[in-house]
Amino acid sequence: MMANAYRLPFLPGTFTALVCVRVFNFFERADLALQEFWRVLAPGGSLVLGVQVRPSLASVVDDIRDSLRGVRREPLTFSRAPVVPLPMTVIPTWQPLRSELKRRLSEAGFTPAAEGHSGLEDYWPFNRLPARFFVGLSKMSEGIPIFPTVFVRAVKEGSSPPELAPWEASLACPRCRRALASSKAAEFGKMTCGSCGYTVQEIQGIPDARWGIDP
């Protein structure tokens, strides 16, 4: 299914877990994405979030590389700004401080429960080392700002309901948020909302429920 991260086509409390990896730094409105993740998670549900943060080995490499190229921008490594924007390239479009990431999660209603690190494996000579090396290093490097990426498991407070609603009873119109009643999940790509008239399209057999501002 295709959907807008800011307007997910699901009712509140649909999921017990969400995973967002190598995407978060590209959201122009990360606050709206977090609010939407919180909305569709059931109480007690977990959000696993992978975010490129600073300072790190990657921010040092990027600062040196851009300096040698004559690129003028705010330095990633030594800036104390909560967020530093970057040009739209293959790298993330903005990078937050680790403290800023935690602040945003807390503001959205999440409680961080666990944390891991990665990203050194992308750089020589680290890319020649076995995976178990990075697993061990990640466990020992808590609080040491060298890893480019932090993985956070954050929890929505509360106790999960004993049973979640079935898939076909969890679909919602992304425009008006009303439930989209369907007897079969496969019918989702052929539905029109009875409240606002929004129609879910299909692209090569995949339901397209994208609506709202561009993520």
N, C-alpha and C. Protein backbone atom coordinates (compact mmCIF):
# COMPACT_ATOMS: atom_id res chain seq x y z
N MET A 1 0.83 -1.19 0.00
CA MET A 1 0.00 0.00 0.00
C MET A 1 0.88 1.25 0.00
N MET A 2 0.48 2.25 -0.79
CA MET A 2 1.17 3.54 -0.80
C MET A 2 0.35 4.54 0.01
N ALA A 3 1.05 5.30 0.88
CA ALA A 3 0.34 6.25 1.73
C ALA A 3 1.27 7.40 2.09
N ASN A 4 0.68 8.51 2.49
CA ASN A 4 1.42 9.66 2.97
C ASN A 4 1.72 9.46 4.45
N ALA A 5 2.98 9.60 4.83
CA ALA A 5 3.35 9.39 6.24
C ALA A 5 2.66 10.38 7.16
N TYR A 6 2.22 11.52 6.62
CA TYR A 6 1.54 12.51 7.44
C TYR A 6 0.03 12.25 7.56
N ARG A 7 -0.50 11.36 6.69
CA ARG A 7 -1.94 11.06 6.69
C ARG A 7 -2.11 9.57 6.42
N LEU A 8 -1.72 8.74 7.34
CA LEU A 8 -1.80 7.30 7.16
C LEU A 8 -3.26 6.85 7.12
N PRO A 9 -3.60 5.93 6.20
CA PRO A 9 -5.01 5.52 6.03
C PRO A 9 -5.43 4.43 7.01
N PHE A 10 -5.20 4.68 8.30
CA PHE A 10 -5.55 3.70 9.33
C PHE A 10 -6.19 4.42 10.51
N LEU A 11 -7.03 3.69 11.22
CA LEU A 11 -7.67 4.22 12.40
C LEU A 11 -6.69 4.25 13.56
N PRO A 12 -6.94 5.05 14.60
CA PRO A 12 -6.05 5.09 15.76
C PRO A 12 -5.89 3.72 16.41
N GLY A 13 -4.66 3.43 16.85
CA GLY A 13 -4.41 2.19 17.56
C GLY A 13 -4.39 0.94 16.71
N THR A 14 -4.08 1.09 15.43
CA THR A 14 -4.12 -0.06 14.52
C THR A 14 -2.95 -1.02 14.73
N PHE A 15 -1.75 -0.50 15.03
CA PHE A 15 -0.54 -1.32 15.04
C PHE A 15 0.08 -1.43 16.43
N THR A 16 0.78 -2.55 16.65
CA THR A 16 1.54 -2.71 17.88
C THR A 16 3.00 -2.32 17.69
N ALA A 17 3.44 -2.18 16.45
CA ALA A 17 4.83 -1.79 16.18
C ALA A 17 4.93 -1.11 14.82
N LEU A 18 5.80 -0.12 14.72
CA LEU A 18 6.10 0.57 13.47
C LEU A 18 7.62 0.64 13.32
N VAL A 19 8.10 0.53 12.08
CA VAL A 19 9.52 0.63 11.79
C VAL A 19 9.73 1.72 10.73
N CYS A 20 10.63 2.66 11.03
CA CYS A 20 10.94 3.75 10.10
C CYS A 20 12.47 3.88 10.07
N VAL A 21 13.11 3.36 9.02
CA VAL A 21 14.56 3.32 8.92
C VAL A 21 15.01 3.97 7.61
N ARG A 22 16.02 4.83 7.69
CA ARG A 22 16.60 5.55 6.54
C ARG A 22 15.56 6.40 5.81
N VAL A 23 14.61 6.93 6.56
CA VAL A 23 13.56 7.77 5.98
C VAL A 23 13.40 9.07 6.77
N PHE A 24 13.51 9.00 8.08
CA PHE A 24 13.13 10.10 8.96
C PHE A 24 13.83 11.42 8.62
N ASN A 25 15.11 11.36 8.26
CA ASN A 25 15.86 12.59 7.96
C ASN A 25 15.37 13.30 6.70
N PHE A 26 14.54 12.65 5.92
CA PHE A 26 14.05 13.24 4.69
C PHE A 26 12.67 13.90 4.86
N PHE A 27 12.04 13.72 6.02
CA PHE A 27 10.75 14.37 6.26
C PHE A 27 10.97 15.86 6.51
N GLU A 28 10.29 16.69 5.74
CA GLU A 28 10.36 18.13 6.00
C GLU A 28 9.60 18.48 7.27
N ARG A 29 8.56 17.72 7.60
CA ARG A 29 7.78 17.93 8.82
C ARG A 29 7.85 16.66 9.67
N ALA A 30 9.02 16.43 10.25
CA ALA A 30 9.21 15.22 11.07
C ALA A 30 8.27 15.20 12.26
N ASP A 31 7.89 16.38 12.76
CA ASP A 31 6.98 16.44 13.89
C ASP A 31 5.61 15.86 13.53
N LEU A 32 5.15 16.14 12.30
CA LEU A 32 3.86 15.60 11.87
C LEU A 32 3.93 14.09 11.69
N ALA A 33 5.07 13.60 11.18
CA ALA A 33 5.23 12.16 11.01
C ALA A 33 5.18 11.45 12.37
N LEU A 34 5.86 12.00 13.38
CA LEU A 34 5.86 11.40 14.70
C LEU A 34 4.46 11.40 15.31
N GLN A 35 3.73 12.49 15.11
CA GLN A 35 2.36 12.56 15.61
C GLN A 35 1.49 11.49 14.97
N GLU A 36 1.70 11.26 13.68
CA GLU A 36 0.92 10.26 12.97
C GLU A 36 1.31 8.85 13.40
N PHE A 37 2.60 8.61 13.62
CA PHE A 37 3.04 7.32 14.13
C PHE A 37 2.40 7.04 15.49
N TRP A 38 2.38 8.05 16.35
CA TRP A 38 1.78 7.90 17.68
C TRP A 38 0.29 7.59 17.55
N ARG A 39 -0.38 8.23 16.63
CA ARG A 39 -1.83 8.05 16.47
C ARG A 39 -2.19 6.62 16.09
N VAL A 40 -1.46 6.03 15.14
CA VAL A 40 -1.84 4.70 14.65
C VAL A 40 -1.26 3.57 15.50
N LEU A 41 -0.40 3.88 16.47
CA LEU A 41 0.10 2.86 17.38
C LEU A 41 -0.90 2.61 18.51
N ALA A 42 -1.03 1.35 18.88
CA ALA A 42 -1.85 1.01 20.04
C ALA A 42 -1.09 1.36 21.32
N PRO A 43 -1.77 1.62 22.42
CA PRO A 43 -1.07 1.85 23.69
C PRO A 43 -0.13 0.69 24.00
N GLY A 44 1.09 1.03 24.41
CA GLY A 44 2.10 0.02 24.66
C GLY A 44 2.87 -0.38 23.42
N GLY A 45 2.50 0.17 22.25
CA GLY A 45 3.18 -0.16 21.00
C GLY A 45 4.54 0.50 20.89
N SER A 46 5.37 -0.04 20.02
CA SER A 46 6.75 0.44 19.87
C SER A 46 6.98 1.04 18.49
N LEU A 47 7.77 2.11 18.48
CA LEU A 47 8.26 2.71 17.24
C LEU A 47 9.77 2.48 17.18
N VAL A 48 10.24 1.83 16.12
CA VAL A 48 11.68 1.65 15.89
C VAL A 48 12.09 2.66 14.84
N LEU A 49 12.95 3.59 15.25
CA LEU A 49 13.30 4.73 14.41
C LEU A 49 14.80 4.76 14.16
N GLY A 50 15.21 4.80 12.90
CA GLY A 50 16.62 4.95 12.55
C GLY A 50 16.87 6.36 12.05
N VAL A 51 17.76 7.10 12.71
CA VAL A 51 17.97 8.52 12.39
C VAL A 51 19.47 8.80 12.29
N GLN A 52 19.85 9.55 11.26
CA GLN A 52 21.25 10.00 11.18
C GLN A 52 21.38 11.26 12.02
N VAL A 53 22.25 11.19 13.03
CA VAL A 53 22.39 12.27 14.01
C VAL A 53 23.80 12.85 13.95
N ARG A 54 24.00 13.89 14.74
CA ARG A 54 25.30 14.53 14.81
C ARG A 54 25.55 14.97 16.25
N PRO A 55 26.83 15.12 16.63
CA PRO A 55 28.04 14.87 15.83
C PRO A 55 28.34 13.39 15.74
N SER A 56 29.14 13.01 14.71
CA SER A 56 29.51 11.63 14.51
C SER A 56 30.71 11.59 13.58
N LEU A 57 31.23 10.41 13.34
CA LEU A 57 32.31 10.26 12.37
C LEU A 57 31.84 10.74 11.00
N ALA A 58 30.57 10.46 10.65
CA ALA A 58 30.05 10.88 9.36
C ALA A 58 30.00 12.40 9.23
N SER A 59 29.63 13.10 10.29
CA SER A 59 29.56 14.57 10.21
C SER A 59 30.96 15.16 10.05
N VAL A 60 31.96 14.54 10.68
CA VAL A 60 33.35 15.01 10.50
C VAL A 60 33.79 14.81 9.05
N VAL A 61 33.51 13.64 8.51
CA VAL A 61 33.88 13.35 7.11
C VAL A 61 33.17 14.31 6.16
N ASP A 62 31.88 14.55 6.39
CA ASP A 62 31.12 15.45 5.51
C ASP A 62 31.64 16.88 5.60
N ASP A 63 31.98 17.33 6.80
CA ASP A 63 32.50 18.69 6.97
C ASP A 63 33.84 18.86 6.25
N ILE A 64 34.72 17.88 6.40
CA ILE A 64 36.03 17.96 5.73
C ILE A 64 35.86 17.91 4.22
N ARG A 65 35.00 17.02 3.75
CA ARG A 65 34.78 16.87 2.31
C ARG A 65 34.23 18.16 1.70
N ASP A 66 33.22 18.76 2.34
CA ASP A 66 32.63 19.98 1.80
C ASP A 66 33.61 21.15 1.88
N SER A 67 34.43 21.19 2.93
CA SER A 67 35.42 22.26 3.04
C SER A 67 36.43 22.18 1.90
N LEU A 68 36.88 20.98 1.58
CA LEU A 68 37.83 20.80 0.48
C LEU A 68 37.21 21.15 -0.87
N ARG A 69 35.91 20.98 -0.97
CA ARG A 69 35.20 21.30 -2.22
C ARG A 69 34.78 22.76 -2.29
N GLY A 70 34.98 23.50 -1.21
CA GLY A 70 34.60 24.91 -1.20
C GLY A 70 33.13 25.14 -0.97
N VAL A 71 32.43 24.15 -0.44
CA VAL A 71 31.00 24.28 -0.17
C VAL A 71 30.81 25.04 1.14
N ARG A 72 30.01 26.09 1.09
CA ARG A 72 29.77 26.91 2.28
C ARG A 72 28.43 26.54 2.91
N ARG A 73 28.50 26.09 4.12
CA ARG A 73 27.29 25.76 4.90
C ARG A 73 27.68 25.71 6.37
N GLU A 74 26.67 25.65 7.22
CA GLU A 74 26.93 25.54 8.64
C GLU A 74 27.56 24.18 8.94
N PRO A 75 28.64 24.12 9.71
CA PRO A 75 29.28 22.83 10.00
C PRO A 75 28.35 21.91 10.79
N LEU A 76 28.39 20.63 10.46
CA LEU A 76 27.55 19.66 11.15
C LEU A 76 28.11 19.29 12.51
N THR A 77 29.43 19.13 12.57
CA THR A 77 30.04 18.56 13.76
C THR A 77 30.01 19.49 14.96
N PHE A 78 30.32 20.75 14.76
CA PHE A 78 30.51 21.66 15.89
C PHE A 78 29.35 22.62 16.11
N SER A 79 28.36 22.61 15.24
CA SER A 79 27.21 23.48 15.43
C SER A 79 26.36 22.97 16.59
N ARG A 80 25.88 23.89 17.42
CA ARG A 80 25.00 23.53 18.52
C ARG A 80 23.54 23.79 18.18
N ALA A 81 23.27 24.15 16.92
CA ALA A 81 21.89 24.32 16.49
C ALA A 81 21.17 22.98 16.60
N PRO A 82 19.91 22.95 17.04
CA PRO A 82 19.20 21.67 17.19
C PRO A 82 19.14 20.87 15.89
N VAL A 83 18.97 21.60 14.77
CA VAL A 83 18.88 20.96 13.45
C VAL A 83 19.70 21.77 12.46
N VAL A 84 20.48 21.09 11.63
CA VAL A 84 21.22 21.75 10.55
C VAL A 84 20.66 21.24 9.22
N PRO A 85 20.13 22.14 8.38
CA PRO A 85 19.60 21.71 7.08
C PRO A 85 20.74 21.45 6.10
N LEU A 86 20.50 20.54 5.16
CA LEU A 86 21.49 20.19 4.14
C LEU A 86 20.84 20.26 2.77
N PRO A 87 21.64 20.45 1.72
CA PRO A 87 21.08 20.46 0.36
C PRO A 87 20.46 19.10 0.03
N MET A 88 19.47 19.08 -0.83
CA MET A 88 18.83 17.84 -1.24
C MET A 88 19.79 17.05 -2.14
N THR A 89 20.39 16.03 -1.57
CA THR A 89 21.30 15.16 -2.31
C THR A 89 21.00 13.73 -1.88
N VAL A 90 21.96 12.85 -2.04
CA VAL A 90 21.76 11.47 -1.61
C VAL A 90 21.88 11.35 -0.10
N ILE A 91 22.39 12.38 0.57
CA ILE A 91 22.50 12.35 2.02
C ILE A 91 21.24 12.98 2.62
N PRO A 92 20.99 12.74 3.91
CA PRO A 92 19.79 13.32 4.54
C PRO A 92 19.73 14.84 4.38
N THR A 93 18.51 15.36 4.35
CA THR A 93 18.32 16.79 4.13
C THR A 93 18.42 17.60 5.40
N TRP A 94 18.47 16.96 6.55
CA TRP A 94 18.70 17.66 7.82
C TRP A 94 19.20 16.65 8.84
N GLN A 95 19.99 17.14 9.78
CA GLN A 95 20.51 16.26 10.82
C GLN A 95 20.31 16.91 12.19
N PRO A 96 19.69 16.19 13.11
CA PRO A 96 19.47 16.74 14.45
C PRO A 96 20.57 16.32 15.42
N LEU A 97 20.73 17.09 16.48
CA LEU A 97 21.52 16.63 17.61
C LEU A 97 20.81 15.45 18.27
N ARG A 98 21.55 14.62 18.95
CA ARG A 98 20.92 13.50 19.65
C ARG A 98 19.90 13.99 20.68
N SER A 99 20.21 15.07 21.35
CA SER A 99 19.29 15.62 22.33
C SER A 99 18.01 16.13 21.67
N GLU A 100 18.14 16.66 20.45
CA GLU A 100 16.97 17.15 19.73
C GLU A 100 16.06 16.00 19.32
N LEU A 101 16.64 14.89 18.91
CA LEU A 101 15.83 13.72 18.57
C LEU A 101 15.02 13.25 19.77
N LYS A 102 15.66 13.17 20.93
CA LYS A 102 14.96 12.74 22.13
C LYS A 102 13.86 13.73 22.51
N ARG A 103 14.13 15.02 22.31
CA ARG A 103 13.12 16.03 22.62
C ARG A 103 11.90 15.87 21.74
N ARG A 104 12.13 15.61 20.46
CA ARG A 104 11.01 15.47 19.53
C ARG A 104 10.19 14.22 19.83
N LEU A 105 10.85 13.14 20.19
CA LEU A 105 10.12 11.93 20.55
C LEU A 105 9.26 12.18 21.79
N SER A 106 9.84 12.84 22.78
CA SER A 106 9.09 13.13 24.00
C SER A 106 7.92 14.06 23.72
N GLU A 107 8.12 15.05 22.88
CA GLU A 107 7.06 16.00 22.55
C GLU A 107 5.91 15.32 21.83
N ALA A 108 6.23 14.26 21.05
CA ALA A 108 5.19 13.52 20.33
C ALA A 108 4.49 12.50 21.22
N GLY A 109 4.97 12.32 22.45
CA GLY A 109 4.31 11.41 23.37
C GLY A 109 5.00 10.07 23.55
N PHE A 110 6.20 9.92 23.01
CA PHE A 110 6.93 8.65 23.11
C PHE A 110 7.92 8.67 24.27
N THR A 111 8.19 7.48 24.79
CA THR A 111 9.20 7.29 25.81
C THR A 111 10.29 6.38 25.27
N PRO A 112 11.54 6.86 25.10
CA PRO A 112 12.62 5.99 24.62
C PRO A 112 12.83 4.82 25.56
N ALA A 113 12.95 3.60 24.98
CA ALA A 113 13.10 2.40 25.79
C ALA A 113 14.42 1.69 25.54
N ALA A 114 14.99 1.83 24.35
CA ALA A 114 16.25 1.17 24.03
C ALA A 114 16.91 1.93 22.89
N GLU A 115 18.23 1.73 22.76
CA GLU A 115 18.98 2.47 21.75
C GLU A 115 20.14 1.61 21.23
N GLY A 116 20.38 1.69 19.94
CA GLY A 116 21.51 1.02 19.31
C GLY A 116 22.14 1.95 18.30
N HIS A 117 23.30 1.56 17.75
CA HIS A 117 24.03 2.45 16.85
C HIS A 117 24.59 1.67 15.66
N SER A 118 24.76 2.37 14.54
CA SER A 118 25.37 1.76 13.36
C SER A 118 25.89 2.87 12.46
N GLY A 119 26.44 2.47 11.32
CA GLY A 119 26.88 3.44 10.32
C GLY A 119 28.38 3.44 10.07
N LEU A 120 29.18 2.98 11.03
CA LEU A 120 30.63 2.95 10.81
C LEU A 120 31.00 1.96 9.72
N GLU A 121 30.15 0.96 9.50
CA GLU A 121 30.45 -0.06 8.50
C GLU A 121 30.46 0.51 7.08
N ASP A 122 29.99 1.73 6.90
CA ASP A 122 30.01 2.36 5.58
C ASP A 122 31.36 2.97 5.24
N TYR A 123 32.28 3.04 6.20
CA TYR A 123 33.54 3.76 6.00
C TYR A 123 34.74 2.80 6.04
N TRP A 124 35.69 3.10 5.15
CA TRP A 124 36.96 2.36 5.17
C TRP A 124 37.81 2.87 6.33
N PRO A 125 38.50 2.00 7.07
CA PRO A 125 38.66 0.55 6.88
C PRO A 125 37.65 -0.28 7.67
N PHE A 126 36.65 0.40 8.28
CA PHE A 126 35.68 -0.35 9.09
C PHE A 126 34.90 -1.36 8.26
N ASN A 127 34.69 -1.04 6.96
CA ASN A 127 33.88 -1.94 6.13
C ASN A 127 34.54 -3.29 5.87
N ARG A 128 35.75 -3.46 6.34
CA ARG A 128 36.44 -4.74 6.20
C ARG A 128 36.27 -5.63 7.43
N LEU A 129 35.62 -5.09 8.45
CA LEU A 129 35.47 -5.82 9.70
C LEU A 129 34.17 -6.62 9.73
N PRO A 130 34.12 -7.72 10.49
CA PRO A 130 32.90 -8.54 10.55
C PRO A 130 31.78 -7.84 11.30
N ALA A 131 30.56 -8.27 11.04
CA ALA A 131 29.38 -7.64 11.64
C ALA A 131 29.41 -7.73 13.17
N ARG A 132 29.91 -8.84 13.72
CA ARG A 132 29.91 -9.00 15.17
C ARG A 132 30.75 -7.93 15.87
N PHE A 133 31.75 -7.39 15.15
CA PHE A 133 32.56 -6.31 15.71
C PHE A 133 31.70 -5.09 16.00
N PHE A 134 30.83 -4.74 15.05
CA PHE A 134 30.00 -3.55 15.21
C PHE A 134 28.91 -3.76 16.26
N VAL A 135 28.42 -4.99 16.37
CA VAL A 135 27.41 -5.28 17.40
C VAL A 135 28.02 -5.06 18.78
N GLY A 136 29.23 -5.58 18.98
CA GLY A 136 29.90 -5.39 20.27
C GLY A 136 30.27 -3.96 20.53
N LEU A 137 30.76 -3.26 19.50
CA LEU A 137 31.14 -1.86 19.66
C LEU A 137 29.94 -0.99 19.98
N SER A 138 28.80 -1.28 19.36
CA SER A 138 27.59 -0.51 19.62
C SER A 138 27.17 -0.62 21.07
N LYS A 139 27.31 -1.81 21.65
CA LYS A 139 26.92 -2.01 23.05
C LYS A 139 27.85 -1.27 24.00
N MET A 140 29.11 -1.10 23.59
CA MET A 140 30.09 -0.47 24.47
C MET A 140 30.19 1.04 24.28
N SER A 141 29.53 1.57 23.25
CA SER A 141 29.75 2.98 22.88
C SER A 141 28.62 3.90 23.30
N GLU A 142 27.79 3.47 24.24
CA GLU A 142 26.68 4.30 24.70
C GLU A 142 27.19 5.66 25.18
N GLY A 143 26.68 6.71 24.59
CA GLY A 143 27.07 8.06 24.98
C GLY A 143 28.28 8.59 24.26
N ILE A 144 28.94 7.76 23.44
CA ILE A 144 30.10 8.22 22.67
C ILE A 144 29.64 8.57 21.26
N PRO A 145 29.71 9.83 20.86
CA PRO A 145 29.12 10.26 19.59
C PRO A 145 30.01 9.97 18.38
N ILE A 146 30.13 8.68 18.02
CA ILE A 146 30.92 8.34 16.84
C ILE A 146 30.08 7.69 15.75
N PHE A 147 29.02 6.98 16.14
CA PHE A 147 28.20 6.30 15.14
C PHE A 147 27.30 7.31 14.42
N PRO A 148 27.21 7.23 13.09
CA PRO A 148 26.37 8.16 12.33
C PRO A 148 24.87 7.96 12.55
N THR A 149 24.46 6.71 12.79
CA THR A 149 23.04 6.41 12.88
C THR A 149 22.68 5.87 14.25
N VAL A 150 21.61 6.37 14.80
CA VAL A 150 21.10 5.86 16.06
C VAL A 150 19.74 5.20 15.79
N PHE A 151 19.55 4.03 16.38
CA PHE A 151 18.28 3.33 16.31
C PHE A 151 17.63 3.41 17.68
N VAL A 152 16.45 3.97 17.72
CA VAL A 152 15.74 4.14 18.98
C VAL A 152 14.45 3.33 18.96
N ARG A 153 14.22 2.58 20.02
CA ARG A 153 12.90 1.97 20.21
C ARG A 153 12.17 2.82 21.24
N ALA A 154 11.12 3.48 20.78
CA ALA A 154 10.33 4.36 21.64
C ALA A 154 8.94 3.78 21.82
N VAL A 155 8.37 3.97 22.99
CA VAL A 155 7.11 3.31 23.35
C VAL A 155 6.01 4.33 23.57
N LYS A 156 4.83 3.99 23.10
CA LYS A 156 3.63 4.77 23.42
C LYS A 156 3.08 4.23 24.73
N GLU A 157 2.96 5.06 25.72
CA GLU A 157 2.56 4.62 27.05
C GLU A 157 1.17 3.98 27.03
N GLY A 158 0.99 3.04 27.94
CA GLY A 158 -0.30 2.38 28.07
C GLY A 158 -0.17 0.88 27.90
N SER A 159 -1.28 0.18 28.06
CA SER A 159 -1.32 -1.27 27.90
C SER A 159 -2.05 -1.61 26.62
N SER A 160 -1.46 -2.51 25.83
CA SER A 160 -2.07 -2.90 24.57
C SER A 160 -3.40 -3.62 24.82
N PRO A 161 -4.39 -3.40 23.96
CA PRO A 161 -5.65 -4.14 24.09
C PRO A 161 -5.41 -5.62 23.83
N PRO A 162 -6.24 -6.50 24.42
CA PRO A 162 -6.02 -7.95 24.25
C PRO A 162 -6.08 -8.37 22.78
N GLU A 163 -6.91 -7.71 22.00
CA GLU A 163 -7.03 -8.05 20.59
C GLU A 163 -7.15 -6.76 19.78
N LEU A 164 -6.39 -6.68 18.71
CA LEU A 164 -6.50 -5.55 17.80
C LEU A 164 -7.59 -5.82 16.77
N ALA A 165 -8.11 -4.75 16.19
CA ALA A 165 -9.14 -4.89 15.17
C ALA A 165 -8.57 -5.58 13.95
N PRO A 166 -9.36 -6.38 13.23
CA PRO A 166 -8.86 -7.01 12.00
C PRO A 166 -8.52 -5.95 10.95
N TRP A 167 -7.68 -6.34 10.02
CA TRP A 167 -7.19 -5.42 8.99
C TRP A 167 -8.31 -4.63 8.33
N GLU A 168 -9.35 -5.33 7.86
CA GLU A 168 -10.41 -4.67 7.11
C GLU A 168 -11.20 -3.69 7.96
N ALA A 169 -11.11 -3.80 9.29
CA ALA A 169 -11.81 -2.87 10.18
C ALA A 169 -10.90 -1.75 10.65
N SER A 170 -9.65 -1.71 10.16
CA SER A 170 -8.69 -0.70 10.60
C SER A 170 -8.41 0.37 9.56
N LEU A 171 -8.97 0.22 8.37
CA LEU A 171 -8.71 1.16 7.29
C LEU A 171 -9.49 2.44 7.49
N ALA A 172 -8.88 3.55 7.11
CA ALA A 172 -9.51 4.85 7.28
C ALA A 172 -9.25 5.72 6.06
N CYS A 173 -10.14 6.66 5.82
CA CYS A 173 -9.95 7.62 4.74
C CYS A 173 -8.83 8.58 5.14
N PRO A 174 -7.79 8.76 4.31
CA PRO A 174 -6.70 9.67 4.68
C PRO A 174 -7.12 11.14 4.69
N ARG A 175 -8.23 11.46 4.04
CA ARG A 175 -8.67 12.85 4.00
C ARG A 175 -9.50 13.23 5.22
N CYS A 176 -10.55 12.47 5.51
CA CYS A 176 -11.46 12.85 6.59
C CYS A 176 -11.28 12.00 7.85
N ARG A 177 -10.46 10.96 7.79
CA ARG A 177 -10.14 10.09 8.93
C ARG A 177 -11.27 9.16 9.32
N ARG A 178 -12.38 9.15 8.58
CA ARG A 178 -13.48 8.24 8.90
C ARG A 178 -13.14 6.82 8.48
N ALA A 179 -13.77 5.84 9.12
CA ALA A 179 -13.51 4.44 8.80
C ALA A 179 -13.98 4.12 7.39
N LEU A 180 -13.23 3.27 6.70
CA LEU A 180 -13.60 2.77 5.39
C LEU A 180 -14.05 1.33 5.57
N ALA A 181 -15.34 1.11 5.63
CA ALA A 181 -15.85 -0.23 5.86
C ALA A 181 -15.63 -1.09 4.63
N SER A 182 -15.07 -2.29 4.85
CA SER A 182 -14.81 -3.21 3.75
C SER A 182 -14.89 -4.62 4.27
N SER A 183 -15.48 -5.50 3.47
CA SER A 183 -15.56 -6.89 3.89
C SER A 183 -14.28 -7.65 3.60
N LYS A 184 -13.46 -7.12 2.70
CA LYS A 184 -12.21 -7.76 2.33
C LYS A 184 -11.13 -6.70 2.20
N ALA A 185 -9.93 -7.00 2.70
CA ALA A 185 -8.83 -6.05 2.60
C ALA A 185 -8.49 -5.78 1.14
N ALA A 186 -8.69 -6.79 0.27
CA ALA A 186 -8.36 -6.62 -1.14
C ALA A 186 -9.23 -5.57 -1.81
N GLU A 187 -10.38 -5.25 -1.21
CA GLU A 187 -11.28 -4.26 -1.80
C GLU A 187 -10.83 -2.84 -1.52
N PHE A 188 -9.80 -2.66 -0.70
CA PHE A 188 -9.37 -1.32 -0.31
C PHE A 188 -8.98 -0.49 -1.52
N GLY A 189 -8.43 -1.11 -2.55
CA GLY A 189 -8.01 -0.36 -3.73
C GLY A 189 -9.15 -0.01 -4.66
N LYS A 190 -10.36 -0.26 -4.25
CA LYS A 190 -11.52 0.02 -5.10
C LYS A 190 -12.59 0.79 -4.34
N MET A 191 -12.18 1.47 -3.26
CA MET A 191 -13.17 2.07 -2.38
C MET A 191 -13.25 3.57 -2.50
N THR A 192 -14.46 4.09 -2.26
CA THR A 192 -14.71 5.52 -2.17
C THR A 192 -15.30 5.81 -0.80
N CYS A 193 -14.72 6.82 -0.14
CA CYS A 193 -15.19 7.17 1.20
C CYS A 193 -16.63 7.68 1.14
N GLY A 194 -17.49 7.12 1.97
CA GLY A 194 -18.89 7.54 1.98
C GLY A 194 -19.10 8.88 2.65
N SER A 195 -18.07 9.39 3.37
CA SER A 195 -18.22 10.66 4.07
C SER A 195 -17.76 11.84 3.26
N CYS A 196 -16.59 11.73 2.60
CA CYS A 196 -16.04 12.89 1.87
C CYS A 196 -15.86 12.65 0.38
N GLY A 197 -16.05 11.41 -0.07
CA GLY A 197 -15.96 11.12 -1.50
C GLY A 197 -14.57 10.81 -2.00
N TYR A 198 -13.56 10.77 -1.11
CA TYR A 198 -12.20 10.45 -1.54
C TYR A 198 -12.16 9.01 -2.05
N THR A 199 -11.50 8.81 -3.20
CA THR A 199 -11.43 7.49 -3.81
C THR A 199 -10.00 6.96 -3.75
N VAL A 200 -9.86 5.76 -3.23
CA VAL A 200 -8.57 5.08 -3.23
C VAL A 200 -8.32 4.52 -4.62
N GLN A 201 -7.19 4.88 -5.21
CA GLN A 201 -6.85 4.41 -6.54
C GLN A 201 -5.98 3.17 -6.45
N GLU A 202 -5.72 2.55 -7.59
CA GLU A 202 -4.79 1.44 -7.67
C GLU A 202 -3.76 1.72 -8.74
N ILE A 203 -2.49 1.47 -8.43
CA ILE A 203 -1.40 1.59 -9.39
C ILE A 203 -0.73 0.24 -9.50
N GLN A 204 -0.90 -0.40 -10.63
CA GLN A 204 -0.37 -1.75 -10.86
C GLN A 204 -0.77 -2.71 -9.75
N GLY A 205 -2.02 -2.61 -9.35
CA GLY A 205 -2.56 -3.52 -8.35
C GLY A 205 -2.28 -3.14 -6.91
N ILE A 206 -1.57 -2.02 -6.69
CA ILE A 206 -1.23 -1.59 -5.34
C ILE A 206 -2.15 -0.44 -4.94
N PRO A 207 -2.88 -0.54 -3.82
CA PRO A 207 -3.74 0.55 -3.38
C PRO A 207 -2.91 1.82 -3.13
N ASP A 208 -3.39 2.93 -3.68
CA ASP A 208 -2.71 4.21 -3.53
C ASP A 208 -3.59 5.14 -2.73
N ALA A 209 -3.28 5.26 -1.44
CA ALA A 209 -4.07 6.10 -0.54
C ALA A 209 -3.31 7.36 -0.15
N ARG A 210 -2.45 7.84 -1.03
CA ARG A 210 -1.69 9.06 -0.73
C ARG A 210 -2.59 10.28 -0.82
N TRP A 211 -2.60 11.08 0.24
CA TRP A 211 -3.35 12.33 0.24
C TRP A 211 -2.71 13.28 1.22
N GLY A 212 -2.71 14.57 0.91
CA GLY A 212 -2.19 15.56 1.83
C GLY A 212 -0.90 16.15 1.34
N ILE A 213 -0.19 16.85 2.24
CA ILE A 213 1.03 17.54 1.85
C ILE A 213 2.13 16.53 1.59
N ASP A 214 3.08 16.92 0.75
CA ASP A 214 4.17 16.06 0.37
C ASP A 214 5.11 15.84 1.57
N PRO A 215 5.41 14.53 1.93
CA PRO A 215 6.34 14.30 3.02
C PRO A 215 7.73 14.82 2.72
